[in-house]
Amino acid sequence: MGLFDGTELERPVLCEQCGLDVKTCDCQPVVQAEADVPPEKQSLRVRLEKRKRGKFMTVIHDFRGPTAQRRQFLSDIKNHCGAGGTIDDDNVEVQGDHVERITAFLLSGGYCVR
């Protein structure tokens, strides 16, 4: 139920493709897929951070790309290191001290590491 439903200010929502009311439109929704960002166009920073209770976390900063590419990248890194991890904003976090291992993996994959 919309804010102006049933009043004289109510306007029908129109389809962008055919111009008909959305309720009667038969158009297929347009899904725009994001393109993957190639490794050679990414400049990553790998840092070691100390978290609470003395735990270490290796953080890969500035990873760009769509969600599917980020998930695949995280999966590859976790499998390579044998550790858990997560995605946080533009950062990929891996549990433990894996700076050298991740840096070598990124360089072999064509990424630029600062």
N, C-alpha and C. Protein backbone atom coordinates (compact mmCIF):
# COMPACT_ATOMS: atom_id res chain seq x y z
N MET A 1 0.86 -1.17 0.00
CA MET A 1 0.00 0.00 0.00
C MET A 1 0.90 1.22 0.00
N GLY A 2 0.69 2.09 -0.97
CA GLY A 2 1.50 3.29 -1.11
C GLY A 2 0.98 4.43 -0.24
N LEU A 3 1.77 5.44 -0.12
CA LEU A 3 1.43 6.59 0.71
C LEU A 3 0.22 7.34 0.16
N PHE A 4 0.12 7.46 -1.15
CA PHE A 4 -0.96 8.23 -1.75
C PHE A 4 -2.06 7.37 -2.35
N ASP A 5 -2.09 6.07 -2.05
CA ASP A 5 -3.12 5.19 -2.59
C ASP A 5 -4.51 5.66 -2.16
N GLY A 6 -5.42 5.76 -3.14
CA GLY A 6 -6.80 6.14 -2.86
C GLY A 6 -7.02 7.65 -2.84
N THR A 7 -6.01 8.46 -3.10
CA THR A 7 -6.16 9.92 -3.13
C THR A 7 -6.03 10.41 -4.55
N GLU A 8 -6.29 11.70 -4.77
CA GLU A 8 -6.15 12.25 -6.11
C GLU A 8 -4.69 12.41 -6.53
N LEU A 9 -3.74 12.25 -5.58
CA LEU A 9 -2.32 12.34 -5.89
C LEU A 9 -1.72 11.01 -6.34
N GLU A 10 -2.52 9.95 -6.30
CA GLU A 10 -2.03 8.63 -6.68
C GLU A 10 -1.73 8.60 -8.18
N ARG A 11 -0.52 8.12 -8.52
CA ARG A 11 -0.12 7.99 -9.91
C ARG A 11 0.27 6.53 -10.15
N PRO A 12 -0.11 5.99 -11.31
CA PRO A 12 0.28 4.60 -11.58
C PRO A 12 1.78 4.51 -11.86
N VAL A 13 2.37 3.41 -11.45
CA VAL A 13 3.78 3.16 -11.74
C VAL A 13 3.87 2.58 -13.13
N LEU A 14 4.66 3.23 -14.01
CA LEU A 14 4.74 2.82 -15.40
C LEU A 14 6.03 2.05 -15.67
N CYS A 15 5.93 1.10 -16.57
CA CYS A 15 7.08 0.31 -16.99
C CYS A 15 8.00 1.18 -17.83
N GLU A 16 9.31 1.06 -17.61
CA GLU A 16 10.27 1.86 -18.37
C GLU A 16 10.43 1.37 -19.79
N GLN A 17 10.09 0.11 -20.06
CA GLN A 17 10.28 -0.47 -21.40
C GLN A 17 9.09 -0.20 -22.32
N CYS A 18 7.88 -0.45 -21.83
CA CYS A 18 6.72 -0.35 -22.71
C CYS A 18 5.79 0.82 -22.37
N GLY A 19 5.91 1.41 -21.19
CA GLY A 19 5.09 2.55 -20.81
C GLY A 19 3.74 2.19 -20.23
N LEU A 20 3.43 0.90 -20.08
CA LEU A 20 2.16 0.48 -19.50
C LEU A 20 2.26 0.44 -17.98
N ASP A 21 1.09 0.31 -17.34
CA ASP A 21 1.06 0.15 -15.89
C ASP A 21 1.80 -1.13 -15.51
N VAL A 22 2.59 -1.08 -14.46
CA VAL A 22 3.40 -2.22 -14.04
C VAL A 22 2.54 -3.44 -13.73
N LYS A 23 1.35 -3.25 -13.24
CA LYS A 23 0.46 -4.36 -12.89
C LYS A 23 0.00 -5.13 -14.12
N THR A 24 -0.08 -4.47 -15.28
CA THR A 24 -0.54 -5.13 -16.50
C THR A 24 0.58 -5.40 -17.49
N CYS A 25 1.79 -4.97 -17.21
CA CYS A 25 2.94 -5.13 -18.11
C CYS A 25 3.42 -6.57 -18.12
N ASP A 26 3.84 -7.05 -19.31
CA ASP A 26 4.37 -8.41 -19.46
C ASP A 26 5.86 -8.42 -19.77
N CYS A 27 6.53 -7.30 -19.63
CA CYS A 27 7.96 -7.21 -19.96
C CYS A 27 8.79 -8.00 -18.94
N GLN A 28 9.91 -8.53 -19.43
CA GLN A 28 10.85 -9.23 -18.55
C GLN A 28 11.71 -8.19 -17.82
N PRO A 29 11.97 -8.39 -16.54
CA PRO A 29 12.81 -7.44 -15.83
C PRO A 29 14.24 -7.46 -16.37
N VAL A 30 14.84 -6.28 -16.44
CA VAL A 30 16.19 -6.15 -16.95
C VAL A 30 17.16 -6.36 -15.79
N VAL A 31 18.05 -7.32 -15.95
CA VAL A 31 19.06 -7.61 -14.93
C VAL A 31 20.41 -7.25 -15.51
N GLN A 32 21.08 -6.30 -14.87
CA GLN A 32 22.40 -5.90 -15.34
C GLN A 32 23.45 -6.59 -14.49
N ALA A 33 24.24 -7.42 -15.12
CA ALA A 33 25.29 -8.13 -14.41
C ALA A 33 26.56 -7.27 -14.39
N GLU A 34 27.18 -7.21 -13.23
CA GLU A 34 28.42 -6.45 -13.12
C GLU A 34 29.54 -7.26 -13.73
N ALA A 35 30.45 -6.57 -14.37
CA ALA A 35 31.59 -7.24 -14.98
C ALA A 35 32.69 -7.45 -13.94
N ASP A 36 33.38 -8.59 -14.04
CA ASP A 36 34.49 -8.86 -13.14
C ASP A 36 35.63 -7.89 -13.43
N VAL A 37 36.31 -7.48 -12.36
CA VAL A 37 37.47 -6.62 -12.51
C VAL A 37 38.69 -7.53 -12.66
N PRO A 38 39.44 -7.40 -13.77
CA PRO A 38 40.58 -8.30 -13.98
C PRO A 38 41.68 -8.07 -12.94
N PRO A 39 42.47 -9.10 -12.63
CA PRO A 39 43.51 -8.99 -11.60
C PRO A 39 44.54 -7.90 -11.89
N GLU A 40 44.91 -7.72 -13.16
CA GLU A 40 45.94 -6.73 -13.47
C GLU A 40 45.48 -5.29 -13.24
N LYS A 41 44.17 -5.06 -13.09
CA LYS A 41 43.66 -3.72 -12.82
C LYS A 41 43.39 -3.47 -11.35
N GLN A 42 43.79 -4.42 -10.50
CA GLN A 42 43.57 -4.26 -9.06
C GLN A 42 44.90 -4.10 -8.35
N SER A 43 44.96 -3.13 -7.48
CA SER A 43 46.14 -2.90 -6.67
C SER A 43 45.75 -3.16 -5.22
N LEU A 44 46.25 -4.25 -4.66
CA LEU A 44 45.83 -4.70 -3.34
C LEU A 44 46.92 -4.45 -2.30
N ARG A 45 46.50 -4.28 -1.07
CA ARG A 45 47.43 -4.18 0.06
C ARG A 45 47.14 -5.33 1.01
N VAL A 46 48.19 -6.02 1.44
CA VAL A 46 48.05 -7.14 2.37
C VAL A 46 48.68 -6.72 3.68
N ARG A 47 47.88 -6.76 4.75
CA ARG A 47 48.37 -6.33 6.06
C ARG A 47 47.96 -7.33 7.12
N LEU A 48 48.71 -7.34 8.19
CA LEU A 48 48.42 -8.18 9.34
C LEU A 48 47.87 -7.29 10.44
N GLU A 49 46.70 -7.67 10.97
CA GLU A 49 46.08 -6.91 12.05
C GLU A 49 45.91 -7.82 13.26
N LYS A 50 46.08 -7.23 14.42
CA LYS A 50 45.89 -7.97 15.66
C LYS A 50 44.52 -7.63 16.21
N ARG A 51 43.73 -8.64 16.46
CA ARG A 51 42.37 -8.46 16.96
C ARG A 51 42.33 -8.74 18.45
N LYS A 52 41.15 -8.67 19.01
CA LYS A 52 41.03 -8.90 20.45
C LYS A 52 41.43 -10.32 20.82
N ARG A 53 41.85 -10.48 22.02
CA ARG A 53 42.34 -11.74 22.57
C ARG A 53 43.60 -12.23 21.87
N GLY A 54 44.35 -11.32 21.24
CA GLY A 54 45.63 -11.67 20.65
C GLY A 54 45.56 -12.43 19.35
N LYS A 55 44.40 -12.51 18.71
CA LYS A 55 44.26 -13.23 17.45
C LYS A 55 44.73 -12.36 16.29
N PHE A 56 45.35 -13.00 15.29
CA PHE A 56 45.82 -12.28 14.12
C PHE A 56 44.86 -12.49 12.96
N MET A 57 44.74 -11.46 12.11
CA MET A 57 43.88 -11.50 10.94
C MET A 57 44.66 -10.88 9.78
N THR A 58 44.80 -11.61 8.69
CA THR A 58 45.43 -11.08 7.49
C THR A 58 44.33 -10.42 6.66
N VAL A 59 44.51 -9.13 6.35
CA VAL A 59 43.48 -8.36 5.66
C VAL A 59 44.01 -7.93 4.30
N ILE A 60 43.23 -8.21 3.26
CA ILE A 60 43.54 -7.78 1.90
C ILE A 60 42.64 -6.59 1.61
N HIS A 61 43.25 -5.40 1.51
CA HIS A 61 42.50 -4.16 1.33
C HIS A 61 42.29 -3.85 -0.15
N ASP A 62 41.22 -3.10 -0.44
CA ASP A 62 40.93 -2.51 -1.75
C ASP A 62 40.58 -3.51 -2.84
N PHE A 63 39.99 -4.66 -2.50
CA PHE A 63 39.56 -5.60 -3.54
C PHE A 63 38.25 -5.09 -4.13
N ARG A 64 38.23 -4.92 -5.45
CA ARG A 64 37.05 -4.43 -6.14
C ARG A 64 36.47 -5.54 -7.00
N GLY A 65 35.19 -5.44 -7.28
CA GLY A 65 34.53 -6.43 -8.13
C GLY A 65 33.14 -6.74 -7.61
N PRO A 66 32.34 -7.42 -8.42
CA PRO A 66 30.99 -7.78 -7.99
C PRO A 66 31.03 -8.83 -6.88
N THR A 67 29.90 -9.04 -6.26
CA THR A 67 29.80 -9.95 -5.11
C THR A 67 30.24 -11.37 -5.46
N ALA A 68 29.86 -11.85 -6.62
CA ALA A 68 30.24 -13.21 -7.02
C ALA A 68 31.75 -13.36 -7.14
N GLN A 69 32.40 -12.34 -7.70
CA GLN A 69 33.86 -12.38 -7.83
C GLN A 69 34.53 -12.33 -6.46
N ARG A 70 33.98 -11.53 -5.55
CA ARG A 70 34.53 -11.44 -4.20
C ARG A 70 34.43 -12.78 -3.47
N ARG A 71 33.28 -13.43 -3.60
CA ARG A 71 33.08 -14.72 -2.94
C ARG A 71 34.03 -15.78 -3.49
N GLN A 72 34.21 -15.79 -4.81
CA GLN A 72 35.13 -16.76 -5.42
C GLN A 72 36.57 -16.48 -4.99
N PHE A 73 36.94 -15.21 -4.94
CA PHE A 73 38.28 -14.82 -4.50
C PHE A 73 38.51 -15.26 -3.06
N LEU A 74 37.54 -15.03 -2.19
CA LEU A 74 37.65 -15.44 -0.79
C LEU A 74 37.79 -16.96 -0.69
N SER A 75 37.00 -17.68 -1.45
CA SER A 75 37.07 -19.14 -1.43
C SER A 75 38.44 -19.64 -1.87
N ASP A 76 39.00 -19.04 -2.92
CA ASP A 76 40.33 -19.44 -3.40
C ASP A 76 41.40 -19.16 -2.34
N ILE A 77 41.33 -18.00 -1.71
CA ILE A 77 42.32 -17.63 -0.68
C ILE A 77 42.20 -18.56 0.53
N LYS A 78 40.97 -18.84 0.97
CA LYS A 78 40.77 -19.70 2.13
C LYS A 78 41.28 -21.12 1.84
N ASN A 79 41.02 -21.63 0.65
CA ASN A 79 41.51 -22.96 0.29
C ASN A 79 43.03 -23.00 0.23
N HIS A 80 43.62 -21.92 -0.27
CA HIS A 80 45.08 -21.87 -0.38
C HIS A 80 45.74 -21.83 0.99
N CYS A 81 45.13 -21.10 1.92
CA CYS A 81 45.71 -20.93 3.25
C CYS A 81 45.25 -21.99 4.25
N GLY A 82 44.15 -22.65 3.98
CA GLY A 82 43.60 -23.61 4.92
C GLY A 82 43.07 -22.94 6.17
N ALA A 83 42.42 -21.81 5.98
CA ALA A 83 41.92 -21.02 7.11
C ALA A 83 40.54 -20.46 6.78
N GLY A 84 39.88 -19.94 7.80
CA GLY A 84 38.59 -19.31 7.62
C GLY A 84 38.76 -17.86 7.22
N GLY A 85 37.67 -17.24 6.81
CA GLY A 85 37.75 -15.84 6.43
C GLY A 85 36.38 -15.28 6.13
N THR A 86 36.36 -13.97 5.83
CA THR A 86 35.12 -13.27 5.55
C THR A 86 35.38 -12.08 4.65
N ILE A 87 34.29 -11.51 4.14
CA ILE A 87 34.36 -10.30 3.32
C ILE A 87 33.76 -9.17 4.15
N ASP A 88 34.49 -8.05 4.26
CA ASP A 88 34.01 -6.90 5.01
C ASP A 88 34.27 -5.65 4.18
N ASP A 89 33.22 -5.04 3.62
CA ASP A 89 33.31 -3.88 2.73
C ASP A 89 34.23 -4.19 1.55
N ASP A 90 35.31 -3.44 1.38
CA ASP A 90 36.26 -3.69 0.30
C ASP A 90 37.42 -4.56 0.75
N ASN A 91 37.30 -5.17 1.91
CA ASN A 91 38.38 -5.95 2.48
C ASN A 91 38.03 -7.44 2.51
N VAL A 92 39.04 -8.26 2.28
CA VAL A 92 38.90 -9.71 2.43
C VAL A 92 39.76 -10.09 3.63
N GLU A 93 39.16 -10.72 4.62
CA GLU A 93 39.86 -11.05 5.85
C GLU A 93 40.03 -12.55 5.98
N VAL A 94 41.27 -12.97 6.33
CA VAL A 94 41.59 -14.38 6.50
C VAL A 94 42.16 -14.56 7.90
N GLN A 95 41.68 -15.57 8.60
CA GLN A 95 42.12 -15.80 9.97
C GLN A 95 43.57 -16.29 9.98
N GLY A 96 44.37 -15.68 10.85
CA GLY A 96 45.75 -16.11 11.03
C GLY A 96 46.75 -15.23 10.31
N ASP A 97 48.04 -15.53 10.52
CA ASP A 97 49.14 -14.79 9.92
C ASP A 97 49.56 -15.49 8.63
N HIS A 98 49.04 -15.00 7.49
CA HIS A 98 49.31 -15.61 6.19
C HIS A 98 49.80 -14.57 5.19
N VAL A 99 50.49 -13.54 5.64
CA VAL A 99 50.88 -12.44 4.76
C VAL A 99 51.76 -12.92 3.61
N GLU A 100 52.81 -13.68 3.91
CA GLU A 100 53.72 -14.13 2.86
C GLU A 100 53.03 -15.08 1.89
N ARG A 101 52.25 -16.00 2.41
CA ARG A 101 51.56 -16.99 1.58
C ARG A 101 50.55 -16.30 0.65
N ILE A 102 49.78 -15.34 1.19
CA ILE A 102 48.77 -14.65 0.38
C ILE A 102 49.44 -13.74 -0.65
N THR A 103 50.53 -13.06 -0.26
CA THR A 103 51.23 -12.19 -1.20
C THR A 103 51.77 -12.99 -2.38
N ALA A 104 52.36 -14.15 -2.12
CA ALA A 104 52.87 -15.00 -3.19
C ALA A 104 51.72 -15.49 -4.08
N PHE A 105 50.60 -15.85 -3.47
CA PHE A 105 49.44 -16.32 -4.23
C PHE A 105 48.90 -15.21 -5.13
N LEU A 106 48.82 -13.99 -4.61
CA LEU A 106 48.30 -12.87 -5.39
C LEU A 106 49.24 -12.53 -6.55
N LEU A 107 50.54 -12.51 -6.30
CA LEU A 107 51.49 -12.21 -7.36
C LEU A 107 51.46 -13.25 -8.46
N SER A 108 51.28 -14.53 -8.09
CA SER A 108 51.20 -15.58 -9.09
C SER A 108 49.89 -15.50 -9.88
N GLY A 109 48.86 -14.89 -9.28
CA GLY A 109 47.58 -14.74 -9.96
C GLY A 109 47.48 -13.49 -10.82
N GLY A 110 48.54 -12.66 -10.84
CA GLY A 110 48.55 -11.48 -11.69
C GLY A 110 48.11 -10.21 -11.00
N TYR A 111 47.88 -10.24 -9.69
CA TYR A 111 47.46 -9.06 -8.95
C TYR A 111 48.68 -8.19 -8.65
N CYS A 112 48.46 -6.88 -8.54
CA CYS A 112 49.51 -5.96 -8.13
C CYS A 112 49.41 -5.80 -6.61
N VAL A 113 50.48 -6.09 -5.89
CA VAL A 113 50.46 -6.02 -4.43
C VAL A 113 51.35 -4.87 -4.00
N ARG A 114 50.79 -3.95 -3.20
CA ARG A 114 51.55 -2.81 -2.68
C ARG A 114 52.06 -3.12 -1.31
